[in-house]
N, C-alpha and C. Protein backbone atom coordinates (compact mmCIF):
# COMPACT_ATOMS: atom_id res chain seq x y z
N UNK A 1 -3.52 -123.48 62.84
CA UNK A 1 -2.61 -123.09 63.89
C UNK A 1 -2.57 -124.20 64.93
N UNK A 2 -1.35 -124.66 65.26
CA UNK A 2 -1.23 -125.73 66.25
C UNK A 2 -1.26 -125.17 67.67
N UNK A 3 -1.25 -126.04 68.66
CA UNK A 3 -1.38 -125.66 70.07
C UNK A 3 -0.24 -124.74 70.52
N UNK A 4 0.99 -125.03 70.06
CA UNK A 4 2.15 -124.22 70.45
C UNK A 4 2.00 -122.80 69.92
N UNK A 5 1.57 -122.65 68.67
CA UNK A 5 1.39 -121.33 68.09
C UNK A 5 0.27 -120.56 68.81
N UNK A 6 -0.78 -121.26 69.19
CA UNK A 6 -1.90 -120.64 69.91
C UNK A 6 -1.42 -120.12 71.25
N UNK A 7 -0.66 -120.95 71.99
CA UNK A 7 -0.13 -120.53 73.29
C UNK A 7 0.81 -119.33 73.15
N UNK A 8 1.67 -119.35 72.12
CA UNK A 8 2.60 -118.25 71.87
C UNK A 8 1.83 -116.97 71.55
N UNK A 9 0.79 -117.09 70.78
CA UNK A 9 -0.04 -115.94 70.44
C UNK A 9 -0.71 -115.35 71.68
N UNK A 10 -1.19 -116.22 72.58
CA UNK A 10 -1.82 -115.76 73.81
C UNK A 10 -0.82 -115.05 74.72
N UNK A 11 0.41 -115.57 74.80
CA UNK A 11 1.46 -114.95 75.61
C UNK A 11 1.77 -113.56 75.07
N UNK A 12 1.89 -113.44 73.74
CA UNK A 12 2.18 -112.14 73.13
C UNK A 12 1.07 -111.14 73.41
N UNK A 13 -0.17 -111.59 73.39
CA UNK A 13 -1.28 -110.70 73.68
C UNK A 13 -1.23 -110.24 75.13
N UNK A 14 -0.84 -111.13 76.03
CA UNK A 14 -0.75 -110.77 77.44
C UNK A 14 0.39 -109.77 77.67
N UNK A 15 1.44 -109.82 76.85
CA UNK A 15 2.56 -108.91 77.01
C UNK A 15 2.19 -107.49 76.64
N UNK A 16 1.17 -107.31 75.83
CA UNK A 16 0.74 -105.98 75.42
C UNK A 16 -0.09 -105.38 76.54
N UNK A 17 0.52 -104.46 77.24
CA UNK A 17 -0.14 -103.82 78.36
C UNK A 17 -0.22 -102.33 78.08
N UNK A 18 -1.38 -101.77 78.30
CA UNK A 18 -1.50 -100.33 78.11
C UNK A 18 -1.39 -99.64 79.46
N UNK A 19 -1.22 -98.31 79.43
CA UNK A 19 -1.12 -97.55 80.66
C UNK A 19 -2.41 -97.57 81.46
N UNK A 20 -3.52 -97.85 80.81
CA UNK A 20 -4.80 -97.85 81.50
C UNK A 20 -5.14 -99.17 82.17
N UNK A 21 -4.36 -100.21 81.90
CA UNK A 21 -4.65 -101.51 82.48
C UNK A 21 -4.58 -101.45 84.00
N UNK A 22 -5.61 -101.90 84.62
CA UNK A 22 -5.62 -102.01 86.07
C UNK A 22 -5.89 -100.71 86.81
N UNK A 23 -6.01 -99.58 86.10
CA UNK A 23 -6.28 -98.33 86.78
C UNK A 23 -7.78 -98.15 86.96
N UNK A 24 -8.18 -97.57 88.09
CA UNK A 24 -9.62 -97.37 88.30
C UNK A 24 -10.17 -96.37 87.28
N UNK A 25 -11.37 -96.56 86.89
CA UNK A 25 -12.00 -95.68 85.91
C UNK A 25 -12.80 -94.61 86.63
N UNK A 26 -12.13 -93.91 87.56
CA UNK A 26 -12.77 -92.83 88.30
C UNK A 26 -11.86 -91.61 88.26
N UNK A 27 -12.41 -90.45 88.59
CA UNK A 27 -11.62 -89.23 88.48
C UNK A 27 -10.50 -89.20 89.53
N UNK A 28 -9.41 -88.50 89.24
CA UNK A 28 -8.24 -88.49 90.13
C UNK A 28 -8.55 -87.98 91.54
N UNK A 29 -9.44 -86.98 91.67
CA UNK A 29 -9.76 -86.44 93.00
C UNK A 29 -10.35 -87.52 93.90
N UNK A 30 -11.19 -88.38 93.32
CA UNK A 30 -11.79 -89.48 94.09
C UNK A 30 -10.72 -90.47 94.52
N UNK A 31 -9.78 -90.75 93.63
CA UNK A 31 -8.68 -91.66 93.97
C UNK A 31 -7.87 -91.09 95.12
N UNK A 32 -7.58 -89.78 95.08
CA UNK A 32 -6.83 -89.14 96.15
C UNK A 32 -7.59 -89.25 97.47
N UNK A 33 -8.90 -89.03 97.42
CA UNK A 33 -9.72 -89.15 98.63
C UNK A 33 -9.67 -90.56 99.20
N UNK A 34 -9.71 -91.56 98.32
CA UNK A 34 -9.63 -92.95 98.79
C UNK A 34 -8.28 -93.21 99.46
N UNK A 35 -7.22 -92.68 98.85
CA UNK A 35 -5.88 -92.86 99.43
C UNK A 35 -5.80 -92.18 100.80
N UNK A 36 -6.37 -90.98 100.90
CA UNK A 36 -6.37 -90.28 102.19
C UNK A 36 -7.12 -91.09 103.24
N UNK A 37 -8.26 -91.66 102.84
CA UNK A 37 -9.03 -92.41 103.82
C UNK A 37 -8.26 -93.63 104.31
N UNK A 38 -7.49 -94.25 103.41
CA UNK A 38 -6.64 -95.38 103.84
C UNK A 38 -5.54 -94.88 104.77
N UNK A 39 -4.96 -93.73 104.43
CA UNK A 39 -3.91 -93.17 105.27
C UNK A 39 -4.46 -92.86 106.66
N UNK A 40 -5.62 -92.22 106.70
CA UNK A 40 -6.19 -91.83 107.99
C UNK A 40 -6.62 -93.05 108.80
N UNK A 41 -7.01 -94.12 108.13
CA UNK A 41 -7.42 -95.30 108.89
C UNK A 41 -6.21 -96.07 109.43
N UNK A 42 -5.05 -95.81 108.85
CA UNK A 42 -3.82 -96.44 109.32
C UNK A 42 -3.25 -95.57 110.44
N UNK A 43 -3.16 -96.10 111.61
CA UNK A 43 -2.75 -95.32 112.77
C UNK A 43 -1.23 -95.19 112.92
N UNK A 44 -0.47 -95.56 111.89
CA UNK A 44 0.98 -95.51 112.02
C UNK A 44 1.49 -94.12 112.39
N UNK A 45 0.97 -93.08 111.72
CA UNK A 45 1.48 -91.75 112.01
C UNK A 45 1.04 -91.26 113.39
N UNK A 46 -0.01 -91.84 113.95
CA UNK A 46 -0.48 -91.43 115.27
C UNK A 46 0.38 -92.01 116.39
N UNK A 47 1.20 -93.00 116.08
CA UNK A 47 2.05 -93.59 117.11
C UNK A 47 3.06 -92.60 117.65
N UNK A 48 3.21 -91.47 116.97
CA UNK A 48 4.12 -90.44 117.44
C UNK A 48 3.55 -89.67 118.63
N UNK A 49 2.26 -89.88 118.92
CA UNK A 49 1.58 -89.07 119.91
C UNK A 49 1.18 -89.89 121.12
N UNK A 50 1.38 -89.30 122.27
CA UNK A 50 0.90 -89.94 123.50
C UNK A 50 -0.61 -89.77 123.56
N UNK A 51 -1.25 -90.49 124.46
CA UNK A 51 -2.70 -90.35 124.62
C UNK A 51 -3.07 -88.92 125.00
N UNK A 52 -2.25 -88.31 125.85
CA UNK A 52 -2.52 -86.93 126.28
C UNK A 52 -2.42 -85.97 125.10
N UNK A 53 -1.40 -86.16 124.25
CA UNK A 53 -1.27 -85.29 123.06
C UNK A 53 -2.44 -85.51 122.12
N UNK A 54 -2.81 -86.76 121.91
CA UNK A 54 -3.94 -87.07 121.03
C UNK A 54 -5.19 -86.35 121.52
N UNK A 55 -5.44 -86.45 122.79
CA UNK A 55 -6.63 -85.81 123.38
C UNK A 55 -6.54 -84.29 123.23
N UNK A 56 -5.38 -83.73 123.52
CA UNK A 56 -5.17 -82.28 123.43
C UNK A 56 -5.44 -81.78 122.01
N UNK A 57 -4.88 -82.46 121.01
CA UNK A 57 -5.04 -82.02 119.63
C UNK A 57 -6.49 -82.15 119.16
N UNK A 58 -7.13 -83.23 119.54
CA UNK A 58 -8.54 -83.41 119.15
C UNK A 58 -9.44 -82.36 119.81
N UNK A 59 -9.19 -82.06 121.09
CA UNK A 59 -9.98 -81.04 121.78
C UNK A 59 -9.76 -79.66 121.16
N UNK A 60 -8.50 -79.37 120.85
CA UNK A 60 -8.21 -78.09 120.22
C UNK A 60 -8.85 -78.00 118.84
N UNK A 61 -8.83 -79.11 118.11
CA UNK A 61 -9.48 -79.11 116.80
C UNK A 61 -10.96 -78.76 116.95
N UNK A 62 -11.61 -79.37 117.93
CA UNK A 62 -13.03 -79.10 118.15
C UNK A 62 -13.27 -77.63 118.51
N UNK A 63 -12.37 -77.03 119.27
CA UNK A 63 -12.51 -75.61 119.62
C UNK A 63 -12.46 -74.72 118.38
N UNK A 64 -11.59 -75.06 117.44
CA UNK A 64 -11.44 -74.24 116.24
C UNK A 64 -12.44 -74.62 115.15
N UNK A 65 -13.12 -75.71 115.30
CA UNK A 65 -14.18 -76.12 114.38
C UNK A 65 -15.47 -75.39 114.82
N UNK A 66 -15.52 -74.11 114.54
CA UNK A 66 -16.57 -73.24 115.07
C UNK A 66 -17.97 -73.61 114.59
N UNK A 67 -18.08 -74.17 113.39
CA UNK A 67 -19.41 -74.54 112.89
C UNK A 67 -19.72 -76.02 113.11
N UNK A 68 -18.85 -76.72 113.83
CA UNK A 68 -19.03 -78.14 114.20
C UNK A 68 -19.31 -79.06 113.01
N UNK A 69 -18.64 -78.80 111.88
CA UNK A 69 -18.81 -79.68 110.71
C UNK A 69 -17.66 -80.67 110.56
N UNK A 70 -16.82 -80.78 111.61
CA UNK A 70 -15.67 -81.69 111.65
C UNK A 70 -14.60 -81.33 110.62
N UNK A 71 -14.56 -80.06 110.24
CA UNK A 71 -13.55 -79.54 109.32
C UNK A 71 -13.16 -78.14 109.79
N UNK A 72 -11.93 -77.77 109.51
CA UNK A 72 -11.52 -76.38 109.76
C UNK A 72 -10.94 -75.81 108.48
N UNK A 73 -11.10 -74.48 108.32
CA UNK A 73 -10.57 -73.84 107.12
C UNK A 73 -9.11 -73.42 107.35
N UNK A 74 -8.52 -72.80 106.36
CA UNK A 74 -7.10 -72.46 106.41
C UNK A 74 -6.77 -71.52 107.57
N UNK A 75 -7.57 -70.48 107.76
CA UNK A 75 -7.32 -69.52 108.83
C UNK A 75 -7.43 -70.19 110.20
N UNK A 76 -8.44 -71.01 110.37
CA UNK A 76 -8.60 -71.74 111.63
C UNK A 76 -7.43 -72.69 111.87
N UNK A 77 -6.95 -73.30 110.79
CA UNK A 77 -5.79 -74.20 110.91
C UNK A 77 -4.56 -73.45 111.38
N UNK A 78 -4.32 -72.27 110.80
CA UNK A 78 -3.17 -71.47 111.23
C UNK A 78 -3.27 -71.14 112.71
N UNK A 79 -4.45 -70.70 113.13
CA UNK A 79 -4.65 -70.35 114.54
C UNK A 79 -4.46 -71.57 115.44
N UNK A 80 -4.99 -72.69 115.02
CA UNK A 80 -4.89 -73.93 115.81
C UNK A 80 -3.43 -74.35 115.96
N UNK A 81 -2.70 -74.39 114.86
CA UNK A 81 -1.30 -74.81 114.92
C UNK A 81 -0.48 -73.87 115.81
N UNK A 82 -0.73 -72.59 115.71
CA UNK A 82 -0.03 -71.62 116.55
C UNK A 82 -0.36 -71.86 118.02
N UNK A 83 -1.63 -72.15 118.31
CA UNK A 83 -2.05 -72.35 119.71
C UNK A 83 -1.41 -73.58 120.34
N UNK A 84 -1.04 -74.57 119.52
CA UNK A 84 -0.41 -75.77 120.08
C UNK A 84 1.11 -75.77 119.88
N UNK A 85 1.63 -74.63 119.39
CA UNK A 85 3.08 -74.45 119.34
C UNK A 85 3.77 -74.89 118.06
N UNK A 86 3.04 -74.99 116.96
CA UNK A 86 3.65 -75.39 115.68
C UNK A 86 3.36 -74.31 114.65
N UNK A 87 4.41 -73.58 114.28
CA UNK A 87 4.25 -72.48 113.34
C UNK A 87 4.83 -72.88 111.98
N UNK A 88 4.00 -72.75 110.97
CA UNK A 88 4.40 -73.05 109.60
C UNK A 88 4.55 -71.74 108.83
N UNK A 89 5.44 -71.74 107.87
CA UNK A 89 5.51 -70.68 106.89
C UNK A 89 4.18 -70.69 106.13
N UNK A 90 3.62 -69.52 105.85
CA UNK A 90 2.27 -69.46 105.25
C UNK A 90 2.20 -70.17 103.90
N UNK A 91 3.21 -70.01 103.07
CA UNK A 91 3.20 -70.67 101.76
C UNK A 91 3.25 -72.19 101.90
N UNK A 92 4.12 -72.68 102.76
CA UNK A 92 4.23 -74.13 102.97
C UNK A 92 2.91 -74.69 103.51
N UNK A 93 2.33 -73.99 104.48
CA UNK A 93 1.07 -74.46 105.06
C UNK A 93 -0.04 -74.43 104.02
N UNK A 94 -0.04 -73.43 103.18
CA UNK A 94 -1.06 -73.33 102.12
C UNK A 94 -0.98 -74.53 101.17
N UNK A 95 0.24 -74.90 100.79
CA UNK A 95 0.43 -76.06 99.91
C UNK A 95 -0.03 -77.34 100.59
N UNK A 96 0.34 -77.51 101.86
CA UNK A 96 -0.06 -78.71 102.59
C UNK A 96 -1.57 -78.74 102.80
N UNK A 97 -2.16 -77.60 103.05
CA UNK A 97 -3.61 -77.51 103.24
C UNK A 97 -4.33 -77.99 101.97
N UNK A 98 -3.84 -77.54 100.82
CA UNK A 98 -4.47 -77.95 99.55
C UNK A 98 -4.38 -79.46 99.35
N UNK A 99 -3.25 -80.05 99.74
CA UNK A 99 -3.08 -81.50 99.61
C UNK A 99 -4.02 -82.27 100.54
N UNK A 100 -4.27 -81.71 101.71
CA UNK A 100 -5.03 -82.43 102.74
C UNK A 100 -6.51 -82.07 102.77
N UNK A 101 -6.89 -81.07 102.00
CA UNK A 101 -8.28 -80.62 102.00
C UNK A 101 -9.21 -81.71 101.49
N UNK A 102 -10.41 -81.78 102.05
CA UNK A 102 -11.36 -82.81 101.63
C UNK A 102 -11.85 -82.57 100.20
N UNK A 103 -12.50 -83.55 99.62
CA UNK A 103 -12.89 -83.50 98.21
C UNK A 103 -13.90 -82.41 97.90
N UNK A 104 -14.67 -81.99 98.91
CA UNK A 104 -15.65 -80.94 98.68
C UNK A 104 -15.03 -79.55 98.79
N UNK A 105 -13.77 -79.47 99.18
CA UNK A 105 -13.11 -78.18 99.35
C UNK A 105 -13.62 -77.43 100.57
N UNK A 106 -14.07 -78.16 101.57
CA UNK A 106 -14.68 -77.54 102.75
C UNK A 106 -13.70 -77.38 103.91
N UNK A 107 -12.49 -77.86 103.79
CA UNK A 107 -11.51 -77.75 104.86
C UNK A 107 -10.82 -79.07 105.10
N UNK A 108 -10.11 -79.15 106.22
CA UNK A 108 -9.42 -80.39 106.56
C UNK A 108 -10.06 -81.00 107.79
N UNK A 109 -9.93 -82.30 107.90
CA UNK A 109 -10.47 -83.03 109.04
C UNK A 109 -9.40 -83.17 110.12
N UNK A 110 -9.78 -83.64 111.28
CA UNK A 110 -8.86 -83.69 112.42
C UNK A 110 -7.64 -84.58 112.16
N UNK A 111 -7.81 -85.65 111.40
CA UNK A 111 -6.66 -86.53 111.15
C UNK A 111 -5.56 -85.83 110.37
N UNK A 112 -5.93 -84.85 109.54
CA UNK A 112 -4.93 -84.10 108.79
C UNK A 112 -4.05 -83.29 109.74
N UNK A 113 -4.63 -82.86 110.87
CA UNK A 113 -3.87 -82.12 111.87
C UNK A 113 -2.71 -82.98 112.38
N UNK A 114 -2.96 -84.26 112.58
CA UNK A 114 -1.91 -85.15 113.07
C UNK A 114 -0.78 -85.27 112.06
N UNK A 115 -1.10 -85.25 110.79
CA UNK A 115 -0.07 -85.30 109.75
C UNK A 115 0.79 -84.04 109.82
N UNK A 116 0.15 -82.88 109.95
CA UNK A 116 0.88 -81.62 110.01
C UNK A 116 1.76 -81.53 111.26
N UNK A 117 1.22 -81.96 112.39
CA UNK A 117 1.99 -81.92 113.63
C UNK A 117 3.15 -82.92 113.57
N UNK A 118 2.90 -84.12 113.03
CA UNK A 118 3.98 -85.12 112.96
C UNK A 118 5.10 -84.64 112.05
N UNK A 119 4.76 -83.90 111.00
CA UNK A 119 5.79 -83.34 110.11
C UNK A 119 6.67 -82.37 110.89
N UNK A 120 6.06 -81.50 111.68
CA UNK A 120 6.83 -80.55 112.48
C UNK A 120 7.66 -81.27 113.55
N UNK A 121 7.08 -82.31 114.15
CA UNK A 121 7.82 -83.07 115.16
C UNK A 121 9.08 -83.70 114.55
N UNK A 122 8.94 -84.25 113.35
CA UNK A 122 10.10 -84.85 112.68
C UNK A 122 11.17 -83.80 112.40
N UNK A 123 10.74 -82.59 111.99
CA UNK A 123 11.70 -81.51 111.74
C UNK A 123 12.43 -81.14 113.03
N UNK A 124 11.69 -81.06 114.14
CA UNK A 124 12.32 -80.74 115.42
C UNK A 124 13.29 -81.83 115.85
N UNK A 125 12.92 -83.08 115.62
CA UNK A 125 13.82 -84.19 115.95
C UNK A 125 15.11 -84.08 115.15
N UNK A 126 14.97 -83.74 113.88
CA UNK A 126 16.14 -83.60 113.01
C UNK A 126 17.04 -82.48 113.52
N UNK A 127 16.41 -81.37 113.93
CA UNK A 127 17.18 -80.25 114.47
C UNK A 127 17.94 -80.69 115.73
N UNK A 128 17.28 -81.39 116.61
CA UNK A 128 17.93 -81.86 117.84
C UNK A 128 19.09 -82.80 117.53
N UNK A 129 18.91 -83.66 116.51
CA UNK A 129 19.98 -84.58 116.14
C UNK A 129 21.20 -83.82 115.61
N UNK A 130 20.95 -82.80 114.79
CA UNK A 130 22.07 -82.01 114.27
C UNK A 130 22.79 -81.27 115.40
N UNK A 131 22.02 -80.71 116.32
CA UNK A 131 22.64 -80.01 117.45
C UNK A 131 23.48 -80.97 118.27
N UNK A 132 22.96 -82.17 118.51
CA UNK A 132 23.73 -83.18 119.26
C UNK A 132 25.02 -83.55 118.53
N UNK A 133 24.94 -83.63 117.20
CA UNK A 133 26.15 -83.96 116.42
C UNK A 133 27.19 -82.85 116.57
N UNK A 134 26.75 -81.60 116.50
CA UNK A 134 27.69 -80.49 116.69
C UNK A 134 28.23 -80.47 118.12
N UNK A 135 27.38 -80.78 119.10
CA UNK A 135 27.82 -80.79 120.50
C UNK A 135 28.95 -81.79 120.71
N UNK A 136 28.90 -82.90 119.97
CA UNK A 136 29.95 -83.91 120.13
C UNK A 136 31.31 -83.38 119.66
N UNK A 137 31.29 -82.34 118.83
CA UNK A 137 32.53 -81.74 118.36
C UNK A 137 32.92 -80.54 119.22
N UNK A 138 31.96 -79.99 119.94
CA UNK A 138 32.19 -78.84 120.83
C UNK A 138 32.72 -79.36 122.16
N UNK A 139 34.00 -79.65 122.21
CA UNK A 139 34.60 -80.29 123.37
C UNK A 139 34.58 -79.42 124.62
N UNK A 140 34.56 -78.10 124.44
CA UNK A 140 34.56 -77.19 125.59
C UNK A 140 33.14 -76.78 125.99
N UNK A 141 32.14 -77.26 125.27
CA UNK A 141 30.73 -76.98 125.56
C UNK A 141 30.43 -75.48 125.61
N UNK A 142 30.90 -74.76 124.57
CA UNK A 142 30.71 -73.31 124.51
C UNK A 142 29.58 -72.89 123.58
N UNK A 143 29.14 -73.81 122.72
CA UNK A 143 28.15 -73.45 121.70
C UNK A 143 28.80 -73.05 120.39
N UNK A 144 30.13 -72.94 120.42
CA UNK A 144 30.90 -72.56 119.24
C UNK A 144 31.79 -73.71 118.81
N UNK A 145 32.13 -73.70 117.53
CA UNK A 145 33.12 -74.65 116.99
C UNK A 145 34.15 -73.83 116.23
N UNK A 146 35.41 -74.18 116.43
CA UNK A 146 36.49 -73.51 115.71
C UNK A 146 36.41 -73.88 114.23
N UNK A 147 36.46 -72.89 113.36
CA UNK A 147 36.30 -73.11 111.92
C UNK A 147 37.35 -74.05 111.35
N UNK A 148 38.60 -73.89 111.76
CA UNK A 148 39.66 -74.76 111.24
C UNK A 148 39.43 -76.22 111.64
N UNK A 149 38.99 -76.42 112.87
CA UNK A 149 38.71 -77.77 113.35
C UNK A 149 37.56 -78.39 112.54
N UNK A 150 36.54 -77.59 112.29
CA UNK A 150 35.41 -78.10 111.52
C UNK A 150 35.81 -78.39 110.08
N UNK A 151 36.62 -77.53 109.49
CA UNK A 151 37.11 -77.75 108.13
C UNK A 151 37.88 -79.07 108.06
N UNK A 152 38.70 -79.31 109.07
CA UNK A 152 39.47 -80.56 109.13
C UNK A 152 38.53 -81.77 109.19
N UNK A 153 37.47 -81.66 109.99
CA UNK A 153 36.48 -82.75 110.09
C UNK A 153 35.80 -83.00 108.74
N UNK A 154 35.49 -81.91 108.03
CA UNK A 154 34.87 -82.05 106.71
C UNK A 154 35.77 -82.84 105.75
N UNK A 155 37.05 -82.66 105.89
CA UNK A 155 37.99 -83.30 104.97
C UNK A 155 38.41 -84.70 105.40
N UNK A 156 38.10 -85.08 106.66
CA UNK A 156 38.60 -86.37 107.14
C UNK A 156 37.52 -87.36 107.56
N UNK A 157 36.27 -86.92 107.72
CA UNK A 157 35.22 -87.82 108.22
C UNK A 157 34.06 -87.90 107.22
N UNK A 158 33.36 -89.04 107.25
CA UNK A 158 32.17 -89.21 106.42
C UNK A 158 32.47 -89.01 104.95
N UNK A 159 31.58 -88.26 104.28
CA UNK A 159 31.86 -87.86 102.90
C UNK A 159 33.00 -86.87 102.97
N UNK A 160 34.13 -87.21 102.43
CA UNK A 160 35.32 -86.39 102.59
C UNK A 160 35.37 -85.30 101.52
N UNK A 161 35.34 -84.07 102.00
CA UNK A 161 35.45 -82.91 101.12
C UNK A 161 36.89 -82.76 100.66
N UNK A 162 37.06 -82.25 99.45
CA UNK A 162 38.39 -81.82 99.04
C UNK A 162 38.65 -80.50 99.76
N UNK A 163 39.87 -80.02 99.73
CA UNK A 163 40.16 -78.76 100.42
C UNK A 163 39.37 -77.61 99.80
N UNK A 164 39.26 -77.62 98.47
CA UNK A 164 38.48 -76.56 97.80
C UNK A 164 37.00 -76.62 98.20
N UNK A 165 36.44 -77.84 98.25
CA UNK A 165 35.04 -77.99 98.68
C UNK A 165 34.86 -77.54 100.12
N UNK A 166 35.80 -77.89 100.97
CA UNK A 166 35.73 -77.49 102.38
C UNK A 166 35.82 -75.97 102.51
N UNK A 167 36.71 -75.35 101.75
CA UNK A 167 36.83 -73.88 101.79
C UNK A 167 35.52 -73.23 101.34
N UNK A 168 34.93 -73.77 100.31
CA UNK A 168 33.65 -73.23 99.80
C UNK A 168 32.54 -73.39 100.84
N UNK A 169 32.49 -74.54 101.49
CA UNK A 169 31.47 -74.79 102.50
C UNK A 169 31.69 -73.89 103.72
N UNK A 170 32.94 -73.62 104.05
CA UNK A 170 33.24 -72.77 105.19
C UNK A 170 32.77 -71.34 104.96
N UNK A 171 32.65 -70.93 103.71
CA UNK A 171 32.10 -69.60 103.41
C UNK A 171 30.64 -69.53 103.85
N UNK A 172 29.95 -70.64 103.78
CA UNK A 172 28.57 -70.73 104.24
C UNK A 172 28.53 -70.80 105.77
N UNK A 173 29.41 -71.58 106.36
CA UNK A 173 29.44 -71.81 107.80
C UNK A 173 29.95 -70.58 108.56
N UNK A 174 31.02 -70.00 108.09
CA UNK A 174 31.65 -68.86 108.77
C UNK A 174 31.85 -67.73 107.75
N UNK A 175 30.74 -67.10 107.30
CA UNK A 175 30.83 -66.13 106.20
C UNK A 175 31.69 -64.90 106.54
N UNK A 176 31.77 -64.52 107.81
CA UNK A 176 32.57 -63.35 108.20
C UNK A 176 34.01 -63.72 108.52
N UNK A 177 34.33 -65.01 108.36
CA UNK A 177 35.68 -65.51 108.61
C UNK A 177 36.17 -65.14 110.00
N UNK A 178 35.32 -65.40 111.00
CA UNK A 178 35.63 -65.05 112.39
C UNK A 178 36.49 -66.11 113.09
N UNK A 179 36.63 -67.27 112.47
CA UNK A 179 37.46 -68.31 113.06
C UNK A 179 36.68 -69.27 113.94
N UNK A 180 35.45 -68.96 114.21
CA UNK A 180 34.56 -69.85 114.95
C UNK A 180 33.12 -69.51 114.56
N UNK A 181 32.21 -70.43 114.86
CA UNK A 181 30.80 -70.18 114.54
C UNK A 181 29.91 -70.80 115.59
N UNK A 182 28.76 -70.17 115.79
CA UNK A 182 27.75 -70.65 116.71
C UNK A 182 26.93 -71.71 115.98
N UNK A 183 27.03 -72.96 116.40
CA UNK A 183 26.44 -74.03 115.61
C UNK A 183 24.92 -74.06 115.64
N UNK A 184 24.29 -73.47 116.63
CA UNK A 184 22.82 -73.41 116.62
C UNK A 184 22.36 -72.62 115.40
N UNK A 185 23.07 -71.52 115.09
CA UNK A 185 22.72 -70.71 113.91
C UNK A 185 22.90 -71.51 112.62
N UNK A 186 23.95 -72.33 112.58
CA UNK A 186 24.23 -73.12 111.38
C UNK A 186 23.13 -74.18 111.19
N UNK A 187 22.69 -74.79 112.28
CA UNK A 187 21.62 -75.81 112.18
C UNK A 187 20.37 -75.16 111.59
N UNK A 188 20.05 -73.95 112.04
CA UNK A 188 18.86 -73.26 111.53
C UNK A 188 19.03 -72.96 110.04
N UNK A 189 20.26 -72.56 109.63
CA UNK A 189 20.53 -72.30 108.21
C UNK A 189 20.38 -73.58 107.39
N UNK A 190 20.92 -74.67 107.90
CA UNK A 190 20.90 -75.94 107.19
C UNK A 190 19.45 -76.42 106.98
N UNK A 191 18.62 -76.23 108.00
CA UNK A 191 17.25 -76.74 107.93
C UNK A 191 16.28 -75.83 107.19
N UNK A 192 16.73 -74.65 106.79
CA UNK A 192 15.86 -73.75 106.03
C UNK A 192 15.61 -74.27 104.66
């Protein structure tokens, strides 16, 4: 075999890659814990909080950490979130709790609280943005938008609805066909 054939053979061997190449040879739960520790050490998500909020959340966490093991269980988490003004649907919170729970299954640490609060803050920001968008169409500042005007906007701005699509969407927006709708209610429906 000459040098060119040897090099070609080596290249072909390098092209054969299996799914296990480069993956750690440790169990998935440990990998998830390592990823969480990197996430928690990265303060990007904490930039959403002022120093006062940071202090408030950490102090509240300590209050609900009744056994002082730096973890809280699901029930304590629900109580804590409610006490600081963030209410989650029980099923959603249960799923998030399972994702954020430590590897020993002993509860969540304080940094997980910041993830949960930042998620709720983003949802509230989104709600405020939608309300502001509707307000820009509410020229009389009544809290209502005329259904025909809104249908026209659906057909002429942004992603343009066909008339049939707009009629179908209006059944969601104004189901009783009252001719106007309270946009705060629609924002809540949209975000559900």
